[in-house]
Amino acid sequence: MKVPQNALLPQYERQTDYFDYFGGVEQQVQELQDKKLKAGLQKTYLLETVDSGRPSDRPPVPQIFERSNLKAVPLKHDSDTYLIATDAGERVALLEEVDSRYLALYTLLPSNQSDQLVHSAVSVNPFLDHLWLSSQSFLSLWSQVLSNNSGRRYGKITFEHESVYDAPEAEEGEYLPEERRASRFTMVDRIEVINQKMNPLQEQYSPLASITQLRIPGQGRGGHDLYFDGKLTNRSDSFSDHRATLYGVTDLYRALTKRVEQQLWLSGAGALGESGFGSVAEIIFSKSLPEDVFKRWIINLFNNRRNRFRITGYPTWLSDTKVHANAIDQHLWQPLVLELTQDRVVAVLPHGTCGNSINRLVSNIQRFIDPKVKAYIGDTEYGALIEDVAV
């Protein structure tokens, strides 16, 4: 890709120098925020890596990003912050270790280039994953927006559901784009108006149960656009406010993922007999999937190494509408056992499975299969876990 010169980062030795740069201390970035240059807005991608809780138990950051064909060079005066460069030596991003589990990648690349960069880095790397925000997570963040802001401020929520498995791939060229349901609806209005209208709309039209983007208002002008895969675009006039927002999102997500893992091992204590092999997560569809949709989803899930769900494995068809699979989560190559039918997905997860696997599964099923799906870990509903940590 041809990187715009004004999107490349300068060479500094301190984290604070880069944060000042992103904040508009340099004239170039100030002009960028005024939309006078062709480079993109400043944006951040939140990523998850090995979840041991101790940095010494995971590969060093440069080694992790080497697997993605990127160079991560620690700053001279801040060893937990890295300059990310391509093989060609282009300085395209800054990486901060938020903690031992979560990373923040800051960049000025245009969105089409930054999205491609991060997606490519994650897709080939078992030590990296996106943050996967379900609709339940967005609703929790929306509650915080309501609590922390005047109802007269403007907000933005995007609902998106794409039925990618409704039409056979071999026949896609025969369909007009509007003949496959791809619902995308954005509400931009005062926060009080959005809150008043949102629930009735979701009840009337099920795709609106799938939330994929939320604007979190800034302390001053504008706000921060948060996407379902952990991307956060700074549309405010303050980088420090942007960074505070991303830390708040990470705090919620960290607490949720830990709570999911606690529930997994709690529910697994006696779920599968005395062997202690693992615990059960169940995802129930709001209505049975049509048989043709179910079959296309399963075929894509296990025959496409880079499928949206980051799962690979060997399915056994027990009937036309029931599949058993010994599978592998491509994040950390963790094993899991799946049983899939038109009505539900049952996942048996061995002890130590990363909670992000559940977040990813729920988020992607909402977006591409069933917006109103319900998930349970043991006997506890997934949404209730989010409510617990958000209090």
Protein backbone atom coordinates (compact mmCIF):
# COMPACT_ATOMS: atom_id res chain seq x y z
CA MET A 1 0.00 0.00 0.00
CA LYS A 2 1.14 3.55 -0.69
CA VAL A 3 1.25 5.34 2.64
CA PRO A 4 0.60 9.11 2.62
CA GLN A 5 3.71 10.90 3.82
CA ASN A 6 1.72 12.99 6.28
CA ALA A 7 0.42 9.79 7.92
CA LEU A 8 3.92 8.54 8.77
CA LEU A 9 5.10 9.15 12.31
CA PRO A 10 8.23 11.10 13.22
CA GLN A 11 11.09 9.54 15.17
CA TYR A 12 10.82 10.39 18.88
CA GLU A 13 12.32 8.75 21.95
CA ARG A 14 9.52 9.37 24.45
CA GLN A 15 5.88 8.36 24.65
CA THR A 16 4.88 11.86 25.76
CA ASP A 17 6.36 13.37 22.58
CA TYR A 18 4.09 11.18 20.46
CA PHE A 19 1.06 11.94 22.60
CA ASP A 20 1.79 15.66 22.25
CA TYR A 21 2.08 15.09 18.50
CA PHE A 22 -1.29 13.33 18.35
CA GLY A 23 -2.77 16.06 20.52
CA GLY A 24 -2.01 18.75 17.99
CA VAL A 25 1.08 20.38 19.50
CA GLU A 26 2.70 19.97 16.09
CA GLN A 27 1.21 22.15 13.36
CA GLN A 28 0.85 19.19 11.01
CA VAL A 29 -1.53 17.34 13.28
CA GLN A 30 -3.46 20.51 14.06
CA GLU A 31 -4.07 20.93 10.34
CA LEU A 32 -5.02 17.28 10.16
CA GLN A 33 -7.69 17.77 12.78
CA ASP A 34 -8.98 20.70 10.73
CA LYS A 35 -9.26 18.28 7.76
CA LYS A 36 -6.81 20.21 5.59
CA LEU A 37 -4.62 17.19 4.88
CA LYS A 38 -5.35 13.90 3.15
CA ALA A 39 -4.19 11.59 5.92
CA GLY A 40 -6.73 9.97 8.23
CA LEU A 41 -8.02 11.06 11.61
CA GLN A 42 -6.13 9.74 14.60
CA LYS A 43 -7.48 6.34 15.53
CA THR A 44 -6.68 3.57 17.98
CA TYR A 45 -7.06 -0.20 17.67
CA LEU A 46 -7.44 -2.10 20.94
CA LEU A 47 -5.92 -5.59 20.76
CA GLU A 48 -5.71 -8.58 23.07
CA THR A 49 -2.67 -10.80 23.41
CA VAL A 50 -1.72 -13.69 25.71
CA ASP A 51 -3.82 -13.49 28.88
CA SER A 52 -1.44 -14.94 31.47
CA GLY A 53 -1.48 -11.73 33.52
CA ARG A 54 2.30 -11.53 33.53
CA PRO A 55 4.28 -10.07 30.60
CA SER A 56 7.14 -12.49 31.32
CA ASP A 57 4.89 -15.44 30.40
CA ARG A 58 4.24 -14.28 26.85
CA PRO A 59 6.55 -13.67 23.88
CA PRO A 60 8.10 -10.20 23.79
CA VAL A 61 6.10 -7.64 21.83
CA PRO A 62 8.71 -7.40 19.00
CA GLN A 63 8.54 -11.18 18.59
CA ILE A 64 4.74 -11.13 18.50
CA PHE A 65 4.60 -8.50 15.77
CA GLU A 66 7.37 -10.15 13.80
CA ARG A 67 4.84 -12.92 13.10
CA SER A 68 2.70 -10.24 11.43
CA ASN A 69 5.62 -8.95 9.32
CA LEU A 70 5.80 -5.75 11.36
CA LYS A 71 8.73 -4.33 13.30
CA ALA A 72 8.06 -3.22 16.89
CA VAL A 73 10.95 -1.13 18.21
CA PRO A 74 10.76 0.00 21.87
CA LEU A 75 11.23 3.70 22.52
CA LYS A 76 14.52 4.59 24.13
CA HIS A 77 12.95 6.19 27.20
CA ASP A 78 9.66 4.18 27.38
CA SER A 79 10.21 0.45 27.04
CA ASP A 80 6.46 -0.35 27.17
CA THR A 81 5.81 1.77 24.06
CA TYR A 82 6.88 0.74 20.56
CA LEU A 83 7.19 2.30 17.15
CA ILE A 84 5.55 0.02 14.56
CA ALA A 85 7.12 -0.04 11.11
CA THR A 86 6.56 -2.06 7.94
CA ASP A 87 9.29 -4.14 6.31
CA ALA A 88 9.94 -1.11 4.13
CA GLY A 89 10.74 0.92 7.25
CA GLU A 90 7.60 3.09 7.13
CA ARG A 91 6.67 4.26 10.64
CA VAL A 92 2.92 3.62 10.52
CA ALA A 93 1.84 3.32 14.18
CA LEU A 94 2.67 3.63 17.86
CA LEU A 95 1.93 0.71 20.20
CA GLU A 96 1.32 1.06 23.92
CA GLU A 97 1.08 -1.82 26.39
CA VAL A 98 -2.04 -0.88 28.35
CA ASP A 99 -1.31 -3.86 30.59
CA SER A 100 0.02 -7.40 30.21
CA ARG A 101 -3.06 -8.44 28.22
CA TYR A 102 -4.20 -5.42 26.19
CA LEU A 103 -2.42 -3.27 23.62
CA ALA A 104 -3.37 0.06 22.03
CA LEU A 105 -2.16 0.74 18.50
CA TYR A 106 -2.31 4.44 17.54
CA THR A 107 -2.11 5.50 13.89
CA LEU A 108 -2.80 8.36 11.46
CA LEU A 109 -3.25 6.10 8.43
CA PRO A 110 -6.45 6.52 6.40
CA SER A 111 -9.08 4.05 7.61
CA ASN A 112 -8.90 1.77 4.59
CA GLN A 113 -5.16 1.33 5.15
CA SER A 114 -5.22 1.13 8.95
CA ASP A 115 -8.10 -1.39 8.91
CA GLN A 116 -6.18 -3.54 6.44
CA LEU A 117 -2.96 -3.26 8.44
CA VAL A 118 -4.57 -4.37 11.71
CA HIS A 119 -6.77 -7.05 10.15
CA SER A 120 -3.79 -8.59 8.38
CA ALA A 121 -1.68 -8.45 11.54
CA VAL A 122 -4.36 -10.25 13.58
CA SER A 123 -5.49 -12.82 11.00
CA VAL A 124 -2.07 -14.48 10.71
CA ASN A 125 -1.07 -14.18 14.37
CA PRO A 126 -2.29 -16.53 17.14
CA PHE A 127 -0.92 -14.11 19.76
CA LEU A 128 -3.20 -11.25 18.68
CA ASP A 129 -6.95 -10.78 18.62
CA HIS A 130 -9.38 -7.89 18.36
CA LEU A 131 -11.59 -6.78 21.19
CA TRP A 132 -15.04 -8.12 20.30
CA LEU A 133 -17.85 -5.91 21.57
CA SER A 134 -21.28 -7.52 21.61
CA SER A 135 -24.52 -5.58 21.58
CA GLN A 136 -24.75 -6.18 25.33
CA SER A 137 -21.38 -4.48 25.81
CA PHE A 138 -22.51 -1.52 23.71
CA LEU A 139 -25.70 -1.21 25.74
CA SER A 140 -23.62 -1.08 28.91
CA LEU A 141 -21.47 1.68 27.42
CA TRP A 142 -24.62 3.45 26.24
CA SER A 143 -25.89 3.47 29.83
CA GLN A 144 -22.65 5.18 30.84
CA VAL A 145 -23.14 7.75 28.07
CA LEU A 146 -26.63 8.49 29.40
CA SER A 147 -25.33 8.85 32.97
CA ASN A 148 -22.34 11.04 32.14
CA ASN A 149 -23.83 13.43 29.59
CA SER A 150 -26.68 15.84 29.14
CA GLY A 151 -29.52 14.46 27.09
CA ARG A 152 -29.18 17.54 24.87
CA ARG A 153 -25.78 16.45 23.58
CA TYR A 154 -25.67 14.69 20.24
CA GLY A 155 -24.91 10.99 20.06
CA LYS A 156 -24.56 8.35 17.39
CA ILE A 157 -25.38 4.62 17.30
CA THR A 158 -25.06 2.29 14.32
CA PHE A 159 -27.01 -0.96 14.02
CA GLU A 160 -25.78 -3.47 11.47
CA HIS A 161 -26.72 -7.01 10.49
CA GLU A 162 -25.60 -8.69 7.28
CA SER A 163 -27.13 -12.02 6.28
CA VAL A 164 -24.03 -13.23 4.46
CA TYR A 165 -25.15 -16.87 4.56
CA ASP A 166 -28.61 -16.32 3.09
CA ALA A 167 -27.46 -16.52 -0.54
CA PRO A 168 -25.23 -19.28 -1.97
CA GLU A 169 -21.77 -17.99 -2.81
CA ALA A 170 -21.95 -19.55 -6.28
CA GLU A 171 -25.07 -17.50 -7.02
CA GLU A 172 -23.99 -14.17 -5.58
CA GLY A 173 -23.42 -12.64 -9.00
CA GLU A 174 -27.04 -13.31 -9.92
CA TYR A 175 -28.41 -11.18 -7.10
CA LEU A 176 -28.79 -7.44 -6.98
CA PRO A 177 -27.08 -6.04 -3.87
CA GLU A 178 -30.41 -5.20 -2.23
CA GLU A 179 -31.64 -8.77 -2.62
CA ARG A 180 -29.45 -10.00 0.18
CA ARG A 181 -30.44 -8.45 3.49
CA ALA A 182 -27.71 -6.11 4.67
CA SER A 183 -29.28 -3.80 7.21
CA ARG A 184 -27.28 -0.80 8.36
CA PHE A 185 -28.98 2.02 10.20
CA THR A 186 -27.33 4.94 11.98
CA MET A 187 -29.10 7.23 14.43
CA VAL A 188 -27.53 10.65 14.92
CA ASP A 189 -29.56 12.82 17.25
CA ARG A 190 -29.69 14.19 20.74
CA ILE A 191 -28.95 11.50 23.30
CA GLU A 192 -32.39 11.80 24.89
CA VAL A 193 -34.09 11.32 21.50
CA ILE A 194 -31.98 8.27 20.61
CA ASN A 195 -32.75 6.70 23.97
CA GLN A 196 -36.47 7.32 23.53
CA LYS A 197 -36.65 5.82 20.02
CA MET A 198 -34.12 2.99 20.20
CA ASN A 199 -36.05 0.30 22.10
CA PRO A 200 -39.28 0.53 20.05
CA LEU A 201 -37.28 0.32 16.81
CA GLN A 202 -35.37 -2.73 18.02
CA GLU A 203 -38.61 -4.46 18.96
CA GLN A 204 -40.12 -3.82 15.54
CA TYR A 205 -37.09 -4.76 13.42
CA SER A 206 -34.75 -7.48 14.70
CA PRO A 207 -31.56 -6.40 12.80
CA LEU A 208 -31.53 -3.29 14.99
CA ALA A 209 -30.69 -5.55 17.94
CA SER A 210 -27.16 -5.79 16.51
CA ILE A 211 -25.15 -2.71 17.56
CA THR A 212 -21.78 -2.28 15.84
CA GLN A 213 -20.79 1.32 16.55
CA LEU A 214 -21.28 3.91 19.31
CA ARG A 215 -20.07 7.49 19.59
CA ILE A 216 -18.91 8.23 23.13
CA PRO A 217 -19.15 12.03 23.62
CA GLY A 218 -15.92 13.82 24.48
CA GLN A 219 -15.41 16.21 27.36
CA GLY A 220 -15.33 19.04 24.84
CA ARG A 221 -16.43 19.07 21.23
CA GLY A 222 -17.08 15.89 19.27
CA GLY A 223 -16.51 12.41 20.54
CA HIS A 224 -14.96 8.99 19.97
CA ASP A 225 -16.43 6.45 17.55
CA LEU A 226 -16.11 2.93 18.99
CA TYR A 227 -16.57 -0.06 16.68
CA PHE A 228 -17.46 -3.69 17.43
CA ASP A 229 -13.87 -4.86 16.78
CA GLY A 230 -12.19 -2.44 19.20
CA LYS A 231 -11.41 0.35 16.75
CA LEU A 232 -11.76 3.83 18.25
CA THR A 233 -11.67 6.92 16.01
CA ASN A 234 -10.90 10.26 17.63
CA ARG A 235 -13.42 12.88 16.45
CA SER A 236 -12.90 15.09 19.48
CA ASP A 237 -10.58 18.05 19.97
CA SER A 238 -8.50 16.29 22.63
CA PHE A 239 -6.14 13.33 22.40
CA SER A 240 -5.92 13.05 26.20
CA ASP A 241 -9.70 12.67 26.30
CA HIS A 242 -9.45 10.03 23.57
CA ARG A 243 -6.88 8.10 25.59
CA ALA A 244 -9.01 8.31 28.72
CA THR A 245 -11.94 6.93 26.72
CA LEU A 246 -9.96 3.98 25.38
CA TYR A 247 -8.77 3.17 28.89
CA GLY A 248 -12.40 3.23 30.08
CA VAL A 249 -13.45 0.85 27.31
CA THR A 250 -10.52 -1.44 28.12
CA ASP A 251 -11.43 -1.44 31.83
CA LEU A 252 -14.98 -2.60 31.04
CA TYR A 253 -13.82 -5.20 28.56
CA ARG A 254 -11.12 -6.52 30.90
CA ALA A 255 -13.66 -6.89 33.71
CA LEU A 256 -16.16 -8.63 31.41
CA THR A 257 -13.61 -11.09 30.03
CA LYS A 258 -12.38 -11.98 33.52
CA ARG A 259 -15.98 -12.40 34.68
CA VAL A 260 -16.69 -14.69 31.71
CA GLU A 261 -13.65 -16.78 32.59
CA GLN A 262 -14.63 -16.98 36.26
CA GLN A 263 -18.10 -18.15 35.28
CA LEU A 264 -16.69 -20.69 32.86
CA TRP A 265 -14.59 -22.37 35.52
CA LEU A 266 -17.26 -22.05 38.16
CA SER A 267 -19.90 -23.64 35.92
CA GLY A 268 -17.41 -26.25 34.74
CA ALA A 269 -16.73 -27.60 38.21
CA GLY A 270 -19.32 -30.33 37.84
CA ALA A 271 -20.65 -29.81 34.36
CA LEU A 272 -18.88 -32.72 32.73
CA GLY A 273 -18.51 -35.21 35.50
CA GLU A 274 -15.38 -35.73 37.55
CA SER A 275 -12.95 -35.33 34.66
CA GLY A 276 -13.00 -31.55 34.92
CA PHE A 277 -12.42 -31.33 31.15
CA GLY A 278 -14.15 -27.99 30.86
CA SER A 279 -17.39 -26.07 30.99
CA VAL A 280 -20.29 -25.38 28.68
CA ALA A 281 -21.33 -22.20 26.90
CA GLU A 282 -24.63 -22.23 25.06
CA ILE A 283 -25.76 -19.79 22.39
CA ILE A 284 -29.47 -20.01 21.56
CA PHE A 285 -30.93 -18.52 18.38
CA SER A 286 -34.11 -16.47 18.62
CA LYS A 287 -35.64 -18.73 15.96
CA SER A 288 -34.49 -21.81 14.09
CA LEU A 289 -32.12 -21.12 11.20
CA PRO A 290 -33.36 -22.20 7.77
CA GLU A 291 -31.65 -25.44 6.78
CA ASP A 292 -29.89 -23.94 3.76
CA VAL A 293 -28.55 -21.02 5.82
CA PHE A 294 -27.32 -23.41 8.51
CA LYS A 295 -25.48 -25.58 5.98
CA ARG A 296 -23.80 -22.63 4.26
CA TRP A 297 -22.64 -21.25 7.60
CA ILE A 298 -21.14 -24.58 8.70
CA ILE A 299 -19.39 -25.13 5.36
CA ASN A 300 -17.88 -21.64 5.49
CA LEU A 301 -16.96 -21.99 9.15
CA PHE A 302 -14.84 -25.09 8.68
CA ASN A 303 -13.67 -24.77 5.06
CA ASN A 304 -12.41 -21.19 5.21
CA ARG A 305 -9.22 -20.87 7.26
CA ARG A 306 -9.72 -17.10 7.65
CA ASN A 307 -13.41 -17.11 8.50
CA ARG A 308 -14.92 -14.32 10.57
CA PHE A 309 -15.12 -16.50 13.67
CA ARG A 310 -11.40 -17.45 13.76
CA ILE A 311 -12.31 -21.11 14.27
CA THR A 312 -10.99 -24.11 12.38
CA GLY A 313 -11.71 -27.79 12.77
CA TYR A 314 -13.16 -31.04 11.44
CA PRO A 315 -16.97 -31.25 11.38
CA THR A 316 -18.92 -34.49 11.60
CA TRP A 317 -22.43 -34.27 10.15
CA LEU A 318 -24.67 -36.28 12.48
CA SER A 319 -27.67 -35.29 10.36
CA ASP A 320 -28.59 -32.57 7.86
CA THR A 321 -29.07 -30.12 10.71
CA LYS A 322 -26.70 -31.31 13.44
CA VAL A 323 -22.92 -31.07 13.42
CA HIS A 324 -20.27 -32.11 15.94
CA ALA A 325 -16.79 -30.64 15.62
CA ASN A 326 -13.44 -30.91 17.32
CA ALA A 327 -12.27 -27.37 16.72
CA ILE A 328 -9.39 -24.99 17.35
CA ASP A 329 -9.64 -21.32 18.25
CA GLN A 330 -7.07 -19.57 16.07
CA HIS A 331 -6.32 -17.17 18.92
CA LEU A 332 -3.74 -19.06 21.02
CA TRP A 333 -4.68 -22.35 19.26
CA GLN A 334 -6.97 -23.41 22.07
CA PRO A 335 -9.09 -26.58 21.57
CA LEU A 336 -12.86 -26.64 21.94
CA VAL A 337 -15.68 -29.02 21.15
CA LEU A 338 -18.73 -27.68 19.30
CA GLU A 339 -22.21 -29.01 18.70
CA LEU A 340 -24.16 -26.92 16.20
CA THR A 341 -27.83 -27.18 15.20
CA GLN A 342 -30.45 -24.90 13.67
CA ASP A 343 -31.45 -23.84 17.20
CA ARG A 344 -28.23 -23.43 19.15
CA VAL A 345 -24.48 -23.70 19.47
CA VAL A 346 -23.05 -25.61 22.42
CA ALA A 347 -19.35 -25.10 23.11
CA VAL A 348 -17.35 -27.25 25.53
CA LEU A 349 -14.31 -25.27 26.60
CA PRO A 350 -11.38 -26.83 28.47
CA HIS A 351 -9.96 -25.11 31.50
CA GLY A 352 -7.79 -22.13 30.53
CA THR A 353 -9.79 -21.10 27.47
CA CYS A 354 -9.60 -17.35 26.87
CA GLY A 355 -12.86 -15.52 27.57
CA ASN A 356 -12.34 -13.56 24.38
CA SER A 357 -13.43 -16.68 22.49
CA ILE A 358 -16.94 -16.23 23.91
CA ASN A 359 -16.96 -12.50 23.19
CA ARG A 360 -15.97 -13.12 19.57
CA LEU A 361 -18.51 -15.89 19.05
CA VAL A 362 -21.41 -13.85 20.45
CA SER A 363 -20.44 -10.65 18.61
CA ASN A 364 -20.11 -12.33 15.20
CA ILE A 365 -23.24 -14.44 15.53
CA GLN A 366 -25.18 -11.26 16.34
CA ARG A 367 -23.80 -9.50 13.31
CA PHE A 368 -24.01 -12.28 10.72
CA ILE A 369 -26.44 -14.97 11.97
CA ASP A 370 -29.03 -13.82 14.50
CA PRO A 371 -29.14 -10.30 16.03
CA LYS A 372 -31.30 -11.46 18.96
CA VAL A 373 -29.25 -14.49 19.98
CA LYS A 374 -28.93 -15.24 23.71
CA ALA A 375 -25.82 -16.71 25.28
CA TYR A 376 -25.41 -18.60 28.54
CA ILE A 377 -22.32 -19.67 30.41
CA GLY A 378 -23.44 -22.47 32.65
CA ASP A 379 -26.76 -21.21 33.96
CA THR A 380 -25.88 -17.51 33.78
CA GLU A 381 -26.95 -15.29 30.88
CA TYR A 382 -24.09 -13.48 29.13
CA GLY A 383 -25.79 -10.09 29.38
CA ALA A 384 -26.08 -10.49 33.17
CA LEU A 385 -22.30 -10.87 33.41
CA ILE A 386 -21.89 -7.52 31.70
CA GLU A 387 -24.38 -5.91 34.04
CA ASP A 388 -22.41 -7.31 36.99
CA VAL A 389 -19.12 -5.74 35.96
CA ALA A 390 -20.68 -2.45 34.83
CA VAL A 391 -22.11 -1.64 38.25
